[in-house]
């Protein structure tokens, strides 16, 4: 191989990944409605102690895709699991869940993407409930119209007894 051919080969090899990113982002980004589900771990700060439990959620939304930028609206139902409250002579179990709505903004970098979301959640902890702000961040891998996502969500409960509720999850979504 001549010196000139070797130089051309090295230049092409260096530029190929950048060209792939430019051409892959529009090809894998999907606009439209999507549905999905996730499983994970929830955490509840009860003021005196922190508790955790297995959790799951289902979600759906609509993605407005503009090449590298994603804007979406999303709704979700989250089952945070069952938590315990210790009385003087009895342990009380209570289910924790929430219905939330978010505005989502994301960045596509080929088949990899990152997103942040903000919205409100209507939560229910035992006999108490309320509506408070909710936030989240995450990353996703997109394969055609299917994406795998990992995310962290924080629900800012404004209540004298409960202060923080969060969810760390992994799941999948399908855009149709």
N, C-alpha and C. Protein backbone atom coordinates (compact mmCIF):
# COMPACT_ATOMS: atom_id res chain seq x y z
N UNK A 1 0.86 -1.17 0.00
CA UNK A 1 0.00 0.00 0.00
C UNK A 1 0.90 1.23 0.00
N UNK A 2 0.61 2.16 -0.88
CA UNK A 2 1.43 3.37 -0.98
C UNK A 2 1.11 4.30 0.18
N UNK A 3 1.98 5.27 0.36
CA UNK A 3 1.81 6.25 1.43
C UNK A 3 0.54 7.07 1.23
N UNK A 4 0.24 7.45 -0.03
CA UNK A 4 -0.96 8.24 -0.32
C UNK A 4 -2.22 7.41 -0.06
N UNK A 5 -2.24 6.16 -0.46
CA UNK A 5 -3.40 5.30 -0.23
C UNK A 5 -3.62 5.08 1.27
N UNK A 6 -2.53 4.91 2.03
CA UNK A 6 -2.62 4.73 3.48
C UNK A 6 -3.20 5.98 4.13
N UNK A 7 -2.80 7.16 3.68
CA UNK A 7 -3.30 8.42 4.20
C UNK A 7 -4.79 8.58 3.93
N UNK A 8 -5.22 8.24 2.72
CA UNK A 8 -6.64 8.32 2.37
C UNK A 8 -7.45 7.34 3.23
N UNK A 9 -6.92 6.13 3.42
CA UNK A 9 -7.60 5.12 4.22
C UNK A 9 -7.75 5.59 5.67
N UNK A 10 -6.70 6.16 6.26
CA UNK A 10 -6.75 6.65 7.64
C UNK A 10 -7.75 7.79 7.77
N UNK A 11 -7.79 8.71 6.81
CA UNK A 11 -8.73 9.83 6.85
C UNK A 11 -10.17 9.32 6.77
N UNK A 12 -10.42 8.37 5.87
CA UNK A 12 -11.77 7.82 5.73
C UNK A 12 -12.19 7.09 7.00
N UNK A 13 -11.27 6.35 7.61
CA UNK A 13 -11.58 5.63 8.84
C UNK A 13 -11.88 6.60 9.99
N UNK A 14 -11.21 7.72 10.04
CA UNK A 14 -11.45 8.71 11.09
C UNK A 14 -12.77 9.44 10.89
N UNK A 15 -13.18 9.69 9.65
CA UNK A 15 -14.40 10.44 9.38
C UNK A 15 -15.66 9.57 9.36
N UNK A 16 -15.52 8.26 9.21
CA UNK A 16 -16.68 7.37 9.11
C UNK A 16 -17.60 7.44 10.33
N UNK A 17 -17.09 7.40 11.56
CA UNK A 17 -18.01 7.48 12.71
C UNK A 17 -18.79 8.79 12.76
N UNK A 18 -18.16 9.90 12.40
CA UNK A 18 -18.86 11.19 12.41
C UNK A 18 -19.95 11.22 11.33
N UNK A 19 -19.65 10.68 10.18
CA UNK A 19 -20.65 10.63 9.11
C UNK A 19 -21.81 9.73 9.51
N UNK A 20 -21.52 8.63 10.18
CA UNK A 20 -22.58 7.73 10.63
C UNK A 20 -23.52 8.43 11.60
N UNK A 21 -22.99 9.23 12.51
CA UNK A 21 -23.83 9.98 13.44
C UNK A 21 -24.76 10.94 12.71
N UNK A 22 -24.23 11.60 11.69
CA UNK A 22 -25.04 12.56 10.95
C UNK A 22 -26.18 11.89 10.21
N UNK A 23 -25.93 10.71 9.66
CA UNK A 23 -26.95 10.03 8.88
C UNK A 23 -27.85 9.14 9.72
N UNK A 24 -27.39 8.68 10.88
CA UNK A 24 -28.20 7.80 11.72
C UNK A 24 -29.26 8.55 12.50
N UNK A 25 -28.97 9.75 12.97
CA UNK A 25 -29.92 10.47 13.84
C UNK A 25 -31.27 10.64 13.18
N UNK A 26 -31.36 11.15 11.94
CA UNK A 26 -32.68 11.27 11.35
C UNK A 26 -33.32 9.92 11.04
N UNK A 27 -32.51 8.91 10.79
CA UNK A 27 -33.05 7.61 10.43
C UNK A 27 -33.69 6.91 11.62
N UNK A 28 -33.15 7.08 12.84
CA UNK A 28 -33.69 6.36 13.99
C UNK A 28 -34.67 7.19 14.79
N UNK A 29 -34.72 8.47 14.59
CA UNK A 29 -35.63 9.31 15.36
C UNK A 29 -37.04 9.17 14.81
N UNK A 30 -38.00 8.90 15.69
CA UNK A 30 -39.38 8.72 15.28
C UNK A 30 -40.27 9.78 15.90
N UNK A 31 -41.12 10.37 15.07
CA UNK A 31 -42.19 11.22 15.57
C UNK A 31 -43.42 10.35 15.72
N UNK A 32 -44.29 10.74 16.63
CA UNK A 32 -45.55 10.03 16.76
C UNK A 32 -45.84 9.59 18.17
N UNK A 33 -46.93 8.86 18.29
CA UNK A 33 -47.36 8.36 19.59
C UNK A 33 -46.49 7.18 20.02
N UNK A 34 -46.32 7.04 21.33
CA UNK A 34 -45.55 5.92 21.86
C UNK A 34 -46.16 5.43 23.17
N UNK A 35 -45.91 4.15 23.47
CA UNK A 35 -46.31 3.54 24.72
C UNK A 35 -45.13 2.74 25.25
N UNK A 36 -45.13 2.51 26.56
CA UNK A 36 -44.04 1.74 27.12
C UNK A 36 -44.28 1.36 28.56
N UNK A 37 -43.31 0.68 29.12
CA UNK A 37 -43.36 0.27 30.51
C UNK A 37 -41.97 0.14 31.07
N UNK A 38 -41.87 0.25 32.38
CA UNK A 38 -40.58 0.17 33.07
C UNK A 38 -40.75 -0.55 34.40
N UNK A 39 -39.65 -1.12 34.87
CA UNK A 39 -39.59 -1.69 36.22
C UNK A 39 -38.39 -1.07 36.92
N UNK A 40 -38.45 -1.03 38.24
CA UNK A 40 -37.33 -0.43 38.95
C UNK A 40 -37.48 -0.47 40.44
N UNK A 41 -36.82 0.47 41.08
CA UNK A 41 -36.77 0.59 42.53
C UNK A 41 -37.27 1.96 42.94
N UNK A 42 -38.20 2.00 43.88
CA UNK A 42 -38.71 3.28 44.38
C UNK A 42 -38.15 3.54 45.77
N UNK A 43 -38.08 4.81 46.13
CA UNK A 43 -37.55 5.24 47.42
C UNK A 43 -38.49 6.27 48.01
N UNK A 44 -38.85 6.10 49.28
CA UNK A 44 -39.74 7.03 49.97
C UNK A 44 -39.06 7.49 51.25
N UNK A 45 -38.98 8.80 51.44
CA UNK A 45 -38.44 9.40 52.66
C UNK A 45 -39.64 9.75 53.54
N UNK A 46 -39.78 9.06 54.65
CA UNK A 46 -40.92 9.28 55.54
C UNK A 46 -40.60 10.27 56.65
N UNK A 47 -39.48 10.94 56.60
CA UNK A 47 -39.10 11.89 57.63
C UNK A 47 -38.20 11.26 58.67
N UNK A 48 -38.59 10.09 59.18
CA UNK A 48 -37.76 9.43 60.19
C UNK A 48 -36.86 8.37 59.57
N UNK A 49 -37.24 7.84 58.43
CA UNK A 49 -36.42 6.80 57.80
C UNK A 49 -36.71 6.74 56.31
N UNK A 50 -35.81 6.12 55.59
CA UNK A 50 -35.98 5.91 54.15
C UNK A 50 -36.38 4.46 53.92
N UNK A 51 -37.32 4.27 53.03
CA UNK A 51 -37.75 2.93 52.66
C UNK A 51 -37.66 2.78 51.15
N UNK A 52 -37.57 1.54 50.69
CA UNK A 52 -37.56 1.28 49.25
C UNK A 52 -38.38 0.03 48.95
N UNK A 53 -38.82 -0.08 47.71
CA UNK A 53 -39.59 -1.24 47.28
C UNK A 53 -39.49 -1.36 45.76
N UNK A 54 -39.86 -2.51 45.23
CA UNK A 54 -39.92 -2.71 43.79
C UNK A 54 -41.06 -1.87 43.23
N UNK A 55 -40.89 -1.37 42.01
CA UNK A 55 -41.90 -0.50 41.41
C UNK A 55 -42.02 -0.81 39.92
N UNK A 56 -43.13 -0.36 39.33
CA UNK A 56 -43.33 -0.47 37.89
C UNK A 56 -44.15 0.71 37.42
N UNK A 57 -44.08 0.97 36.12
CA UNK A 57 -44.88 2.04 35.56
C UNK A 57 -45.22 1.73 34.11
N UNK A 58 -46.32 2.34 33.66
CA UNK A 58 -46.70 2.33 32.25
C UNK A 58 -46.80 3.79 31.82
N UNK A 59 -46.44 4.06 30.58
CA UNK A 59 -46.45 5.44 30.12
C UNK A 59 -46.81 5.50 28.64
N UNK A 60 -47.19 6.67 28.23
CA UNK A 60 -47.50 6.92 26.83
C UNK A 60 -47.35 8.39 26.54
N UNK A 61 -47.17 8.71 25.28
CA UNK A 61 -47.02 10.12 24.94
C UNK A 61 -46.97 10.33 23.45
N UNK A 62 -46.61 11.54 23.09
CA UNK A 62 -46.46 11.90 21.69
C UNK A 62 -45.15 12.66 21.53
N UNK A 63 -44.31 12.20 20.59
CA UNK A 63 -43.00 12.77 20.35
C UNK A 63 -43.03 13.65 19.10
N UNK A 64 -42.61 14.91 19.26
CA UNK A 64 -42.45 15.84 18.14
C UNK A 64 -40.96 15.90 17.85
N UNK A 65 -40.51 15.19 16.84
CA UNK A 65 -39.07 15.03 16.59
C UNK A 65 -38.58 16.03 15.54
N UNK A 66 -37.48 16.72 15.87
CA UNK A 66 -36.85 17.65 14.95
C UNK A 66 -35.37 17.28 14.88
N UNK A 67 -34.98 16.43 13.97
CA UNK A 67 -33.63 15.92 13.75
C UNK A 67 -32.93 15.53 15.06
N UNK A 68 -32.16 16.41 15.68
CA UNK A 68 -31.42 16.06 16.89
C UNK A 68 -32.19 16.38 18.17
N UNK A 69 -33.28 17.13 18.07
CA UNK A 69 -34.03 17.57 19.24
C UNK A 69 -35.38 16.87 19.31
N UNK A 70 -35.73 16.36 20.48
CA UNK A 70 -37.04 15.74 20.70
C UNK A 70 -37.81 16.58 21.71
N UNK A 71 -39.05 16.85 21.40
CA UNK A 71 -39.98 17.47 22.33
C UNK A 71 -41.18 16.54 22.42
N UNK A 72 -41.64 16.27 23.63
CA UNK A 72 -42.75 15.32 23.80
C UNK A 72 -43.62 15.72 24.97
N UNK A 73 -44.82 15.20 24.97
CA UNK A 73 -45.69 15.22 26.13
C UNK A 73 -45.89 13.77 26.54
N UNK A 74 -45.91 13.52 27.85
CA UNK A 74 -45.95 12.14 28.33
C UNK A 74 -46.82 12.05 29.58
N UNK A 75 -47.59 10.99 29.67
CA UNK A 75 -48.38 10.68 30.87
C UNK A 75 -47.96 9.30 31.36
N UNK A 76 -47.99 9.11 32.69
CA UNK A 76 -47.60 7.82 33.23
C UNK A 76 -48.37 7.50 34.50
N UNK A 77 -48.53 6.21 34.72
CA UNK A 77 -49.05 5.70 35.99
C UNK A 77 -47.91 4.93 36.64
N UNK A 78 -47.60 5.24 37.91
CA UNK A 78 -46.51 4.58 38.62
C UNK A 78 -47.06 3.89 39.86
N UNK A 79 -46.73 2.61 40.02
CA UNK A 79 -47.01 1.87 41.25
C UNK A 79 -45.67 1.75 41.98
N UNK A 80 -45.52 2.52 43.05
CA UNK A 80 -44.26 2.56 43.79
C UNK A 80 -44.08 1.40 44.76
N UNK A 81 -45.09 0.57 44.91
CA UNK A 81 -44.99 -0.57 45.81
C UNK A 81 -45.73 -0.33 47.11
N UNK A 82 -45.41 -1.15 48.12
CA UNK A 82 -46.04 -1.08 49.43
C UNK A 82 -45.00 -0.68 50.47
N UNK A 83 -45.39 0.26 51.31
CA UNK A 83 -44.52 0.74 52.38
C UNK A 83 -45.18 0.49 53.72
N UNK A 84 -44.41 0.65 54.79
CA UNK A 84 -44.88 0.31 56.12
C UNK A 84 -44.79 1.53 57.03
N UNK A 85 -45.78 1.64 57.91
CA UNK A 85 -45.78 2.67 58.95
C UNK A 85 -45.88 1.94 60.27
N UNK A 86 -45.00 2.28 61.18
CA UNK A 86 -44.94 1.56 62.45
C UNK A 86 -45.64 2.37 63.54
N UNK A 87 -46.76 1.81 64.02
CA UNK A 87 -47.48 2.42 65.13
C UNK A 87 -46.93 1.89 66.44
N UNK A 88 -47.55 2.26 67.53
CA UNK A 88 -47.05 1.83 68.84
C UNK A 88 -47.19 0.32 69.04
N UNK A 89 -48.27 -0.28 68.49
CA UNK A 89 -48.42 -1.73 68.64
C UNK A 89 -48.73 -2.45 67.33
N UNK A 90 -48.76 -1.70 66.22
CA UNK A 90 -49.16 -2.33 64.97
C UNK A 90 -48.36 -1.75 63.81
N UNK A 91 -48.15 -2.58 62.77
CA UNK A 91 -47.50 -2.14 61.55
C UNK A 91 -48.59 -1.96 60.50
N UNK A 92 -48.62 -0.78 59.86
CA UNK A 92 -49.60 -0.49 58.83
C UNK A 92 -48.92 -0.54 57.46
N UNK A 93 -49.52 -1.25 56.53
CA UNK A 93 -49.03 -1.29 55.16
C UNK A 93 -49.87 -0.35 54.31
N UNK A 94 -49.23 0.38 53.43
CA UNK A 94 -49.97 1.26 52.53
C UNK A 94 -49.32 1.25 51.16
N UNK A 95 -50.18 1.29 50.15
CA UNK A 95 -49.73 1.31 48.76
C UNK A 95 -49.45 2.75 48.34
N UNK A 96 -48.45 2.91 47.49
CA UNK A 96 -48.06 4.24 47.01
C UNK A 96 -48.14 4.22 45.49
N UNK A 97 -48.87 5.20 44.91
CA UNK A 97 -48.93 5.30 43.45
C UNK A 97 -49.09 6.75 43.04
N UNK A 98 -48.94 6.99 41.74
CA UNK A 98 -49.06 8.36 41.21
C UNK A 98 -49.47 8.30 39.75
N UNK A 99 -50.17 9.35 39.34
CA UNK A 99 -50.50 9.60 37.94
C UNK A 99 -49.83 10.92 37.61
N UNK A 100 -48.96 10.93 36.59
CA UNK A 100 -48.15 12.12 36.31
C UNK A 100 -48.23 12.52 34.85
N UNK A 101 -48.03 13.80 34.59
CA UNK A 101 -47.94 14.35 33.25
C UNK A 101 -46.68 15.17 33.12
N UNK A 102 -45.96 15.01 32.00
CA UNK A 102 -44.66 15.67 31.82
C UNK A 102 -44.55 16.33 30.46
N UNK A 103 -43.74 17.37 30.40
CA UNK A 103 -43.19 17.87 29.16
C UNK A 103 -41.77 17.34 29.08
N UNK A 104 -41.37 16.79 27.95
CA UNK A 104 -40.07 16.12 27.81
C UNK A 104 -39.26 16.82 26.72
N UNK A 105 -37.99 17.07 27.00
CA UNK A 105 -37.06 17.62 26.00
C UNK A 105 -35.86 16.69 25.94
N UNK A 106 -35.46 16.30 24.72
CA UNK A 106 -34.36 15.36 24.58
C UNK A 106 -33.43 15.72 23.45
N UNK A 107 -32.28 15.09 23.45
CA UNK A 107 -31.25 15.31 22.44
C UNK A 107 -30.87 13.95 21.86
N UNK A 108 -30.93 13.83 20.52
CA UNK A 108 -30.55 12.61 19.82
C UNK A 108 -29.11 12.72 19.33
N UNK A 109 -28.33 11.68 19.63
CA UNK A 109 -26.95 11.60 19.13
C UNK A 109 -26.79 10.25 18.43
N UNK A 110 -27.43 10.10 17.31
CA UNK A 110 -27.45 8.80 16.64
C UNK A 110 -28.46 7.93 17.32
N UNK A 111 -28.08 6.68 17.65
CA UNK A 111 -29.03 5.81 18.33
C UNK A 111 -29.04 6.03 19.84
N UNK A 112 -28.18 6.91 20.34
CA UNK A 112 -28.13 7.26 21.77
C UNK A 112 -28.82 8.60 21.95
N UNK A 113 -29.58 8.73 23.03
CA UNK A 113 -30.24 10.00 23.32
C UNK A 113 -30.32 10.24 24.81
N UNK A 114 -30.49 11.50 25.18
CA UNK A 114 -30.63 11.91 26.57
C UNK A 114 -31.87 12.78 26.67
N UNK A 115 -32.55 12.74 27.81
CA UNK A 115 -33.75 13.56 27.96
C UNK A 115 -33.92 14.03 29.40
N UNK A 116 -34.69 15.09 29.54
CA UNK A 116 -35.09 15.62 30.84
C UNK A 116 -36.57 15.91 30.76
N UNK A 117 -37.25 15.80 31.90
CA UNK A 117 -38.69 16.06 31.90
C UNK A 117 -39.11 16.75 33.18
N UNK A 118 -40.18 17.52 33.06
CA UNK A 118 -40.73 18.23 34.21
C UNK A 118 -42.25 18.24 34.06
N UNK A 119 -42.94 18.15 35.19
CA UNK A 119 -44.39 18.14 35.15
C UNK A 119 -44.99 18.11 36.54
N UNK A 120 -46.17 17.53 36.63
CA UNK A 120 -46.87 17.41 37.91
C UNK A 120 -47.32 15.97 38.10
N UNK A 121 -47.44 15.59 39.38
CA UNK A 121 -47.88 14.24 39.72
C UNK A 121 -48.98 14.31 40.77
N UNK A 122 -50.02 13.54 40.54
CA UNK A 122 -51.07 13.39 41.53
C UNK A 122 -50.76 12.08 42.25
N UNK A 123 -50.30 12.17 43.49
CA UNK A 123 -49.81 11.01 44.23
C UNK A 123 -50.81 10.59 45.31
N UNK A 124 -50.68 9.33 45.72
CA UNK A 124 -51.52 8.78 46.76
C UNK A 124 -50.64 7.89 47.65
N UNK A 125 -50.52 8.27 48.92
CA UNK A 125 -49.75 7.50 49.89
C UNK A 125 -50.70 7.15 51.03
N UNK A 126 -51.15 5.90 51.05
CA UNK A 126 -52.09 5.51 52.09
C UNK A 126 -53.37 6.32 52.00
N UNK A 127 -53.72 7.01 53.09
CA UNK A 127 -54.95 7.81 53.11
C UNK A 127 -54.70 9.27 52.73
N UNK A 128 -53.47 9.61 52.36
CA UNK A 128 -53.15 10.99 51.99
C UNK A 128 -52.83 11.07 50.50
N UNK A 129 -53.14 12.22 49.92
CA UNK A 129 -52.83 12.42 48.51
C UNK A 129 -52.56 13.90 48.25
N UNK A 130 -52.10 14.20 47.05
CA UNK A 130 -51.82 15.57 46.69
C UNK A 130 -51.31 15.66 45.26
N UNK A 131 -51.11 16.88 44.81
CA UNK A 131 -50.56 17.14 43.48
C UNK A 131 -49.36 18.05 43.64
N UNK A 132 -48.21 17.60 43.18
CA UNK A 132 -46.95 18.33 43.36
C UNK A 132 -46.05 18.18 42.14
N UNK A 133 -44.98 18.99 42.07
CA UNK A 133 -44.05 18.91 40.93
C UNK A 133 -43.32 17.56 40.86
N UNK A 134 -42.96 17.19 39.63
CA UNK A 134 -42.18 15.97 39.39
C UNK A 134 -41.15 16.27 38.30
N UNK A 135 -39.99 15.64 38.41
CA UNK A 135 -38.88 15.88 37.48
C UNK A 135 -38.22 14.56 37.13
N UNK A 136 -37.50 14.53 36.02
CA UNK A 136 -36.79 13.32 35.65
C UNK A 136 -35.69 13.57 34.65
N UNK A 137 -34.71 12.67 34.63
CA UNK A 137 -33.64 12.66 33.64
C UNK A 137 -33.45 11.22 33.19
N UNK A 138 -32.93 11.05 31.96
CA UNK A 138 -32.72 9.70 31.49
C UNK A 138 -31.89 9.62 30.23
N UNK A 139 -31.61 8.39 29.85
CA UNK A 139 -30.87 8.10 28.62
C UNK A 139 -31.62 6.99 27.89
N UNK A 140 -31.44 6.96 26.56
CA UNK A 140 -32.14 5.95 25.77
C UNK A 140 -31.28 5.46 24.62
N UNK A 141 -31.51 4.23 24.23
CA UNK A 141 -30.93 3.64 23.04
C UNK A 141 -32.09 3.34 22.11
N UNK A 142 -32.02 3.84 20.88
CA UNK A 142 -33.13 3.69 19.94
C UNK A 142 -32.75 2.72 18.83
N UNK A 143 -33.63 1.76 18.60
CA UNK A 143 -33.48 0.77 17.54
C UNK A 143 -34.75 0.81 16.70
N UNK A 144 -34.70 1.55 15.59
CA UNK A 144 -35.86 1.75 14.72
C UNK A 144 -36.97 2.40 15.53
N UNK A 145 -38.11 1.75 15.75
CA UNK A 145 -39.19 2.38 16.49
C UNK A 145 -39.28 1.87 17.94
N UNK A 146 -38.27 1.14 18.39
CA UNK A 146 -38.21 0.66 19.76
C UNK A 146 -37.04 1.33 20.47
N UNK A 147 -37.28 1.76 21.70
CA UNK A 147 -36.18 2.34 22.48
C UNK A 147 -36.12 1.69 23.85
N UNK A 148 -34.91 1.55 24.36
CA UNK A 148 -34.66 1.08 25.71
C UNK A 148 -34.23 2.31 26.50
N UNK A 149 -34.87 2.54 27.64
CA UNK A 149 -34.56 3.75 28.41
C UNK A 149 -34.29 3.43 29.87
N UNK A 150 -33.39 4.21 30.43
CA UNK A 150 -33.09 4.19 31.86
C UNK A 150 -33.33 5.60 32.36
N UNK A 151 -34.02 5.72 33.51
CA UNK A 151 -34.31 7.06 34.00
C UNK A 151 -34.43 7.12 35.51
N UNK A 152 -34.27 8.34 35.99
CA UNK A 152 -34.46 8.66 37.41
C UNK A 152 -35.52 9.75 37.48
N UNK A 153 -36.54 9.52 38.32
CA UNK A 153 -37.61 10.50 38.49
C UNK A 153 -37.73 10.87 39.96
N UNK A 154 -38.01 12.14 40.20
CA UNK A 154 -38.14 12.66 41.55
C UNK A 154 -39.50 13.33 41.69
N UNK A 155 -40.25 12.94 42.69
CA UNK A 155 -41.57 13.48 42.95
C UNK A 155 -41.49 14.30 44.24
N UNK A 156 -41.67 15.60 44.13
CA UNK A 156 -41.46 16.53 45.24
C UNK A 156 -42.74 16.64 46.08
N UNK A 157 -42.96 15.65 46.94
CA UNK A 157 -44.16 15.61 47.77
C UNK A 157 -44.09 16.71 48.82
N UNK A 158 -45.09 17.57 48.84
CA UNK A 158 -45.16 18.67 49.80
C UNK A 158 -46.18 18.31 50.87
N UNK A 159 -45.72 17.54 51.85
CA UNK A 159 -46.60 17.02 52.88
C UNK A 159 -45.82 16.96 54.18
N UNK A 160 -46.48 17.15 55.31
CA UNK A 160 -45.77 17.16 56.58
C UNK A 160 -45.19 15.81 56.95
N UNK A 161 -45.77 14.72 56.45
CA UNK A 161 -45.34 13.38 56.83
C UNK A 161 -44.37 12.74 55.83
N UNK A 162 -44.54 13.03 54.53
CA UNK A 162 -43.71 12.46 53.49
C UNK A 162 -43.03 13.60 52.75
N UNK A 163 -41.76 13.44 52.43
CA UNK A 163 -41.09 14.56 51.78
C UNK A 163 -40.52 14.23 50.41
N UNK A 164 -40.01 13.06 50.21
CA UNK A 164 -39.38 12.72 48.93
C UNK A 164 -39.83 11.35 48.46
N UNK A 165 -40.11 11.27 47.17
CA UNK A 165 -40.46 10.01 46.54
C UNK A 165 -39.72 9.98 45.21
N UNK A 166 -38.98 8.90 44.95
CA UNK A 166 -38.23 8.84 43.70
C UNK A 166 -38.28 7.43 43.12
N UNK A 167 -37.91 7.35 41.85
CA UNK A 167 -37.96 6.08 41.12
C UNK A 167 -36.77 5.99 40.18
N UNK A 168 -36.06 4.89 40.26
CA UNK A 168 -34.97 4.56 39.35
C UNK A 168 -35.44 3.35 38.55
N UNK A 169 -35.52 3.49 37.20
CA UNK A 169 -36.13 2.41 36.43
C UNK A 169 -35.45 2.20 35.09
N UNK A 170 -35.73 1.03 34.50
CA UNK A 170 -35.30 0.70 33.16
C UNK A 170 -36.51 0.10 32.44
N UNK A 171 -36.66 0.46 31.17
CA UNK A 171 -37.84 -0.03 30.45
C UNK A 171 -37.68 0.10 28.96
N UNK A 172 -38.80 -0.06 28.27
CA UNK A 172 -38.81 0.02 26.81
C UNK A 172 -40.05 0.78 26.35
N UNK A 173 -39.93 1.38 25.17
CA UNK A 173 -41.05 2.11 24.57
C UNK A 173 -41.10 1.76 23.09
N UNK A 174 -42.29 1.83 22.54
CA UNK A 174 -42.51 1.55 21.13
C UNK A 174 -43.25 2.72 20.50
N UNK A 175 -42.68 3.31 19.45
CA UNK A 175 -43.31 4.40 18.73
C UNK A 175 -44.05 3.82 17.53
N UNK A 176 -45.32 4.19 17.38
CA UNK A 176 -46.12 3.67 16.26
C UNK A 176 -46.68 4.78 15.41
